[in-house]
Structure formats: structure tokens, C-alpha cells
Amino acid sequence: MRSFTRHDQNSASEAAKPLLEKSNKAFGRVPGLHAVMAESPELLNGYQVLHGLFLDSSFDADEKTVVWQTINVEHACHYCVPAHTGIAKLMKVSDEISNALRDETPLPTPKLEALRDFTLAMVRQRGELEDKQLDAFYAAGYTQRNVLEVILGLSQKVMSNYTNHIAKTPVDKVFEVYAWEKQ
């Protein structure tokens, strides 16, 4: 069994301590993912920066959730699906959207479904999309900026999903109620 250190202010390197403090201020605690990432302050810093940039993207809360959870579910991330279910609740995203993403069932609007389809295509095809896939995304009302923002969200989620797979990060107590497994 792999055992990755979950750092706190006492065990973290000097470079990681301010990053953990930033996490604590943002979330009222240090998420387990951040505690693991603190082993590499560069990774944690990059993750925090990408998270902030994606939050500042032009996507609304529903759309951010669709991008994040589509990737989390596709990557079968045992940690991020429950975490983003809780985050979606805090962002006032409907349970209908969250459940559809977790269960891989239809989303409530064609536009959100187009965003999920596009995000899945980006993940599965590693960015090698066909013109008709881009055209369908644009026809749903999305823009070139949104294409690039999906890439931003995907970059953030690769960092967290892969870290959680390797480290087997335990789900934070606050999100255990949203436990999830890929069906």
C-alpha cells in the first residue's frame, strides 16, 4: 500500500506552509488533497493558481461544475467527485445537475449537455477534436474562450485526480456523505 504524507503546518516545508495557510483561510481547514500536494509546494501552488483562474473564468457556477465533475467522473476520482458535490452545493448548483453528473445521466439543458460532451471529448481525445465537435460546441452558444477555459479546468483536474489516484487520498470527513464510486 502506498502511503503519502498528509502535511500540516508542523510537517510542511517552509515553502509549503504559506500555501497550506492559504488553503486553511479559503476553506476553514486544509483539504486532504492540499495536505498531500504540500509535499511538492510547486504542485500545490500551481493547483491553487489554476483553481483561482478557473473560478474567474467566464463560466457560471453550473458550467464550472459540469466541467469539473465531468472530468472527475471520467477519471473516476474517488476524492474529487464527493468534494465537488459538496462544493456544488455551496455554489448553489442544483441537485439535479450534480446527480446527473455523478450518475452520468442527461443534464437538464441541451447547453449543459453540450458542455459535458465537449469536455468529455477533450479528455478522451486529448485535445484532438474534429471540426464538427467544435462546431457543435459553438452552436450550443459557447465560444473560443470557452474552449480554452475547458482546457484550463482540465489542467487543474489532472493535477488533483492524478494525485488522488496515486496517493489514495482519503475523502475529507465533510464530504464523506457524498461518497461515490464509478459504476
C-alpha atoms as a PDB file:
ATOM      1  CA  MET A   1       0.000   0.000   0.000  1.00  0.00           C
ATOM      2  CA  ARG A   2       1.212   3.462  -0.867  1.00  0.00           C
ATOM      3  CA  SER A   3       1.393   5.981   1.910  1.00  0.00           C
ATOM      4  CA  PHE A   4       1.753   9.631   1.024  1.00  0.00           C
ATOM      5  CA  THR A   5       2.364  12.161   3.771  1.00  0.00           C
ATOM      6  CA  ARG A   6      -0.513  14.481   4.551  1.00  0.00           C
ATOM      7  CA  HIS A   7       1.269  17.621   5.671  1.00  0.00           C
ATOM      8  CA  ASP A   8       0.168  20.208   8.172  1.00  0.00           C
ATOM      9  CA  GLN A   9       1.867  23.374   9.401  1.00  0.00           C
ATOM     10  CA  ASN A  10       4.250  21.297  11.542  1.00  0.00           C
ATOM     11  CA  SER A  11       5.432  18.850   8.893  1.00  0.00           C
ATOM     12  CA  ALA A  12       5.304  21.034   5.778  1.00  0.00           C
ATOM     13  CA  SER A  13       8.393  22.605   4.260  1.00  0.00           C
ATOM     14  CA  GLU A  14       8.868  26.338   4.637  1.00  0.00           C
ATOM     15  CA  ALA A  15       7.787  26.785   1.015  1.00  0.00           C
ATOM     16  CA  ALA A  16       4.547  24.845   1.596  1.00  0.00           C
ATOM     17  CA  LYS A  17       3.495  26.493   4.878  1.00  0.00           C
ATOM     18  CA  PRO A  18       2.047  29.681   3.341  1.00  0.00           C
ATOM     19  CA  LEU A  19       0.213  27.578   0.744  1.00  0.00           C
ATOM     20  CA  LEU A  20      -1.396  25.459   3.462  1.00  0.00           C
ATOM     21  CA  GLU A  21      -2.317  28.651   5.315  1.00  0.00           C
ATOM     22  CA  LYS A  22      -3.933  29.951   2.124  1.00  0.00           C
ATOM     23  CA  SER A  23      -5.959  26.721   1.889  1.00  0.00           C
ATOM     24  CA  ASN A  24      -6.957  26.993   5.533  1.00  0.00           C
ATOM     25  CA  LYS A  25      -8.135  30.583   5.050  1.00  0.00           C
ATOM     26  CA  ALA A  26     -10.073  29.697   1.890  1.00  0.00           C
ATOM     27  CA  PHE A  27     -11.767  26.546   3.216  1.00  0.00           C
ATOM     28  CA  GLY A  28     -11.611  26.832   7.004  1.00  0.00           C
ATOM     29  CA  ARG A  29      -9.425  23.721   7.011  1.00  0.00           C
ATOM     30  CA  VAL A  30      -6.705  22.126   4.911  1.00  0.00           C
ATOM     31  CA  PRO A  31      -8.342  19.729   2.436  1.00  0.00           C
ATOM     32  CA  GLY A  32      -6.685  16.307   2.319  1.00  0.00           C
ATOM     33  CA  LEU A  33      -5.715  16.863  -1.313  1.00  0.00           C
ATOM     34  CA  HIS A  34      -3.826  20.027  -0.380  1.00  0.00           C
ATOM     35  CA  ALA A  35      -2.161  18.248   2.544  1.00  0.00           C
ATOM     36  CA  VAL A  36      -0.841  15.606   0.128  1.00  0.00           C
ATOM     37  CA  MET A  37       0.144  18.143  -2.538  1.00  0.00           C
ATOM     38  CA  ALA A  38       2.154  20.089   0.057  1.00  0.00           C
ATOM     39  CA  GLU A  39       4.945  17.522  -0.387  1.00  0.00           C
ATOM     40  CA  SER A  40       5.595  19.442  -3.613  1.00  0.00           C
ATOM     41  CA  PRO A  41       4.972  23.138  -2.936  1.00  0.00           C
ATOM     42  CA  GLU A  42       5.241  23.729  -6.673  1.00  0.00           C
ATOM     43  CA  LEU A  43       2.340  21.368  -7.362  1.00  0.00           C
ATOM     44  CA  LEU A  44       0.169  22.841  -4.610  1.00  0.00           C
ATOM     45  CA  ASN A  45       0.941  26.366  -5.746  1.00  0.00           C
ATOM     46  CA  GLY A  46       0.156  25.505  -9.364  1.00  0.00           C
ATOM     47  CA  TYR A  47      -3.087  23.832  -8.329  1.00  0.00           C
ATOM     48  CA  GLN A  48      -4.148  26.825  -6.240  1.00  0.00           C
ATOM     49  CA  VAL A  49      -3.344  29.232  -9.071  1.00  0.00           C
ATOM     50  CA  LEU A  50      -5.260  27.172 -11.657  1.00  0.00           C
ATOM     51  CA  HIS A  51      -8.194  26.822  -9.254  1.00  0.00           C
ATOM     52  CA  GLY A  52      -8.374  30.591  -8.825  1.00  0.00           C
ATOM     53  CA  LEU A  53      -8.100  31.197 -12.561  1.00  0.00           C
ATOM     54  CA  PHE A  54     -10.849  28.678 -13.336  1.00  0.00           C
ATOM     55  CA  LEU A  55     -13.096  30.277 -10.713  1.00  0.00           C
ATOM     56  CA  ASP A  56     -12.512  33.590 -12.526  1.00  0.00           C
ATOM     57  CA  SER A  57     -13.402  32.090 -15.917  1.00  0.00           C
ATOM     58  CA  SER A  58     -16.497  33.181 -17.830  1.00  0.00           C
ATOM     59  CA  PHE A  59     -18.384  30.005 -16.891  1.00  0.00           C
ATOM     60  CA  ASP A  60     -21.215  30.298 -14.376  1.00  0.00           C
ATOM     61  CA  ALA A  61     -21.450  28.009 -11.324  1.00  0.00           C
ATOM     62  CA  ASP A  62     -23.424  25.336 -13.183  1.00  0.00           C
ATOM     63  CA  GLU A  63     -20.951  25.305 -16.063  1.00  0.00           C
ATOM     64  CA  LYS A  64     -17.895  25.172 -13.781  1.00  0.00           C
ATOM     65  CA  THR A  65     -19.474  22.220 -12.018  1.00  0.00           C
ATOM     66  CA  VAL A  66     -20.165  20.494 -15.338  1.00  0.00           C
ATOM     67  CA  VAL A  67     -16.527  20.852 -16.405  1.00  0.00           C
ATOM     68  CA  TRP A  68     -15.081  19.789 -13.045  1.00  0.00           C
ATOM     69  CA  GLN A  69     -17.412  16.874 -12.409  1.00  0.00           C
ATOM     70  CA  THR A  70     -17.349  15.587 -15.981  1.00  0.00           C
ATOM     71  CA  ILE A  71     -13.582  15.253 -15.680  1.00  0.00           C
ATOM     72  CA  ASN A  72     -13.733  13.874 -12.132  1.00  0.00           C
ATOM     73  CA  VAL A  73     -16.251  11.199 -13.140  1.00  0.00           C
ATOM     74  CA  GLU A  74     -14.401  10.293 -16.335  1.00  0.00           C
ATOM     75  CA  HIS A  75     -11.186   9.937 -14.336  1.00  0.00           C
ATOM     76  CA  ALA A  76     -13.092   8.000 -11.618  1.00  0.00           C
ATOM     77  CA  CYS A  77     -11.673  10.212  -8.868  1.00  0.00           C
ATOM     78  CA  HIS A  78     -12.901   8.804  -5.554  1.00  0.00           C
ATOM     79  CA  TYR A  79     -11.900  12.049  -3.792  1.00  0.00           C
ATOM     80  CA  CYS A  80     -12.879  14.819  -6.209  1.00  0.00           C
ATOM     81  CA  VAL A  81     -16.407  13.635  -7.076  1.00  0.00           C
ATOM     82  CA  PRO A  82     -17.562  13.835  -3.436  1.00  0.00           C
ATOM     83  CA  ALA A  83     -15.610  17.058  -2.853  1.00  0.00           C
ATOM     84  CA  HIS A  84     -17.103  18.770  -5.896  1.00  0.00           C
ATOM     85  CA  THR A  85     -20.572  17.549  -4.964  1.00  0.00           C
ATOM     86  CA  GLY A  86     -20.200  19.472  -1.712  1.00  0.00           C
ATOM     87  CA  ILE A  87     -18.628  22.437  -3.488  1.00  0.00           C
ATOM     88  CA  ALA A  88     -21.534  22.467  -5.973  1.00  0.00           C
ATOM     89  CA  LYS A  89     -23.973  22.704  -3.061  1.00  0.00           C
ATOM     90  CA  LEU A  90     -22.032  25.684  -1.701  1.00  0.00           C
ATOM     91  CA  MET A  91     -22.166  27.244  -5.188  1.00  0.00           C
ATOM     92  CA  LYS A  92     -25.981  26.744  -5.250  1.00  0.00           C
ATOM     93  CA  VAL A  93     -25.836  24.250  -8.141  1.00  0.00           C
ATOM     94  CA  SER A  94     -28.992  22.137  -8.224  1.00  0.00           C
ATOM     95  CA  ASP A  95     -29.013  18.539  -7.058  1.00  0.00           C
ATOM     96  CA  GLU A  96     -30.494  17.691 -10.474  1.00  0.00           C
ATOM     97  CA  ILE A  97     -27.253  18.818 -12.156  1.00  0.00           C
ATOM     98  CA  SER A  98     -24.990  17.224  -9.537  1.00  0.00           C
ATOM     99  CA  ASN A  99     -26.813  13.898  -9.654  1.00  0.00           C
ATOM    100  CA  ALA A 100     -26.827  13.815 -13.459  1.00  0.00           C
ATOM    101  CA  LEU A 101     -23.081  14.380 -13.489  1.00  0.00           C
ATOM    102  CA  ARG A 102     -22.370  11.790 -10.780  1.00  0.00           C
ATOM    103  CA  ASP A 103     -24.700   9.215 -12.368  1.00  0.00           C
ATOM    104  CA  GLU A 104     -23.792  10.028 -15.998  1.00  0.00           C
ATOM    105  CA  THR A 105     -27.436  10.651 -16.871  1.00  0.00           C
ATOM    106  CA  PRO A 106     -28.831  13.501 -19.020  1.00  0.00           C
ATOM    107  CA  LEU A 107     -28.350  17.059 -17.822  1.00  0.00           C
ATOM    108  CA  PRO A 108     -31.383  19.388 -17.622  1.00  0.00           C
ATOM    109  CA  THR A 109     -30.462  21.595 -20.600  1.00  0.00           C
ATOM    110  CA  PRO A 110     -29.036  20.974 -24.063  1.00  0.00           C
ATOM    111  CA  LYS A 111     -26.415  23.670 -23.468  1.00  0.00           C
ATOM    112  CA  LEU A 112     -25.053  21.964 -20.341  1.00  0.00           C
ATOM    113  CA  GLU A 113     -25.146  18.609 -22.140  1.00  0.00           C
ATOM    114  CA  ALA A 114     -23.107  20.155 -24.972  1.00  0.00           C
ATOM    115  CA  LEU A 115     -20.561  21.363 -22.414  1.00  0.00           C
ATOM    116  CA  ARG A 116     -20.310  17.870 -20.907  1.00  0.00           C
ATOM    117  CA  ASP A 117     -19.974  16.292 -24.364  1.00  0.00           C
ATOM    118  CA  PHE A 118     -17.257  18.763 -25.321  1.00  0.00           C
ATOM    119  CA  THR A 119     -15.385  18.289 -22.046  1.00  0.00           C
ATOM    120  CA  LEU A 120     -15.524  14.501 -22.417  1.00  0.00           C
ATOM    121  CA  ALA A 121     -14.232  14.781 -25.970  1.00  0.00           C
ATOM    122  CA  MET A 122     -11.329  16.930 -24.757  1.00  0.00           C
ATOM    123  CA  VAL A 123     -10.438  14.343 -22.103  1.00  0.00           C
ATOM    124  CA  ARG A 124     -10.895  11.242 -24.227  1.00  0.00           C
ATOM    125  CA  GLN A 125      -9.302  12.619 -27.387  1.00  0.00           C
ATOM    126  CA  ARG A 126      -6.586  14.572 -25.579  1.00  0.00           C
ATOM    127  CA  GLY A 127      -7.470  17.775 -27.369  1.00  0.00           C
ATOM    128  CA  GLU A 128      -7.517  16.214 -30.863  1.00  0.00           C
ATOM    129  CA  LEU A 129     -11.070  17.288 -31.692  1.00  0.00           C
ATOM    130  CA  GLU A 130     -12.734  17.252 -35.070  1.00  0.00           C
ATOM    131  CA  ASP A 131     -14.197  20.413 -36.593  1.00  0.00           C
ATOM    132  CA  LYS A 132     -17.727  19.036 -36.169  1.00  0.00           C
ATOM    133  CA  GLN A 133     -17.152  18.722 -32.402  1.00  0.00           C
ATOM    134  CA  LEU A 134     -16.036  22.338 -32.167  1.00  0.00           C
ATOM    135  CA  ASP A 135     -18.938  23.413 -34.390  1.00  0.00           C
ATOM    136  CA  ALA A 136     -21.431  21.634 -32.113  1.00  0.00           C
ATOM    137  CA  PHE A 137     -19.917  23.384 -29.079  1.00  0.00           C
ATOM    138  CA  TYR A 138     -20.168  26.771 -30.755  1.00  0.00           C
ATOM    139  CA  ALA A 139     -23.730  26.033 -31.945  1.00  0.00           C
ATOM    140  CA  ALA A 140     -24.694  25.427 -28.295  1.00  0.00           C
ATOM    141  CA  GLY A 141     -23.679  29.002 -27.505  1.00  0.00           C
ATOM    142  CA  TYR A 142     -20.085  28.563 -26.405  1.00  0.00           C
ATOM    143  CA  THR A 143     -17.056  30.485 -27.693  1.00  0.00           C
ATOM    144  CA  GLN A 144     -13.365  30.040 -28.422  1.00  0.00           C
ATOM    145  CA  ARG A 145     -12.715  31.477 -24.963  1.00  0.00           C
ATOM    146  CA  ASN A 146     -14.811  28.666 -23.501  1.00  0.00           C
ATOM    147  CA  VAL A 147     -12.770  26.082 -25.418  1.00  0.00           C
ATOM    148  CA  LEU A 148      -9.645  27.423 -23.748  1.00  0.00           C
ATOM    149  CA  GLU A 149     -11.343  27.602 -20.349  1.00  0.00           C
ATOM    150  CA  VAL A 150     -12.241  23.904 -20.602  1.00  0.00           C
ATOM    151  CA  ILE A 151      -8.520  23.261 -21.165  1.00  0.00           C
ATOM    152  CA  LEU A 152      -7.790  25.324 -18.040  1.00  0.00           C
ATOM    153  CA  GLY A 153     -10.280  23.310 -15.973  1.00  0.00           C
ATOM    154  CA  LEU A 154      -8.921  20.068 -17.375  1.00  0.00           C
ATOM    155  CA  SER A 155      -5.381  21.081 -16.428  1.00  0.00           C
ATOM    156  CA  GLN A 156      -6.482  21.723 -12.845  1.00  0.00           C
ATOM    157  CA  LYS A 157      -8.372  18.434 -12.607  1.00  0.00           C
ATOM    158  CA  VAL A 158      -5.487  16.358 -13.994  1.00  0.00           C
ATOM    159  CA  MET A 159      -3.379  17.648 -11.106  1.00  0.00           C
ATOM    160  CA  SER A 160      -5.944  16.701  -8.475  1.00  0.00           C
ATOM    161  CA  ASN A 161      -7.328  13.493  -9.987  1.00  0.00           C
ATOM    162  CA  TYR A 162      -3.902  12.007 -10.668  1.00  0.00           C
ATOM    163  CA  THR A 163      -2.612  12.994  -7.229  1.00  0.00           C
ATOM    164  CA  ASN A 164      -5.613  11.349  -5.586  1.00  0.00           C
ATOM    165  CA  HIS A 165      -5.206   8.175  -7.618  1.00  0.00           C
ATOM    166  CA  ILE A 166      -1.532   7.834  -6.723  1.00  0.00           C
ATOM    167  CA  ALA A 167      -1.835   8.920  -3.072  1.00  0.00           C
ATOM    168  CA  LYS A 168      -5.208   7.276  -2.435  1.00  0.00           C
ATOM    169  CA  THR A 169      -6.198  10.448  -0.593  1.00  0.00           C
ATOM    170  CA  PRO A 170      -8.954   9.740   1.924  1.00  0.00           C
ATOM    171  CA  VAL A 171     -12.164  11.684   1.331  1.00  0.00           C
ATOM    172  CA  ASP A 172     -12.440  14.581   3.769  1.00  0.00           C
ATOM    173  CA  LYS A 173     -14.923  13.956   6.601  1.00  0.00           C
ATOM    174  CA  VAL A 174     -17.101  16.866   5.470  1.00  0.00           C
ATOM    175  CA  PHE A 175     -17.578  15.212   2.049  1.00  0.00           C
ATOM    176  CA  GLU A 176     -17.963  11.577   3.152  1.00  0.00           C
ATOM    177  CA  VAL A 177     -21.751  11.963   2.898  1.00  0.00           C
ATOM    178  CA  TYR A 178     -21.241  12.345  -0.880  1.00  0.00           C
ATOM    179  CA  ALA A 179     -19.109   9.197  -1.284  1.00  0.00           C
ATOM    180  CA  TRP A 180     -19.049   7.938  -4.863  1.00  0.00           C
ATOM    181  CA  GLU A 181     -17.767   5.056  -6.963  1.00  0.00           C
ATOM    182  CA  LYS A 182     -17.666   4.765 -10.734  1.00  0.00           C
ATOM    183  CA  GLN A 183     -20.450   2.461 -11.949  1.00  0.00           C
END
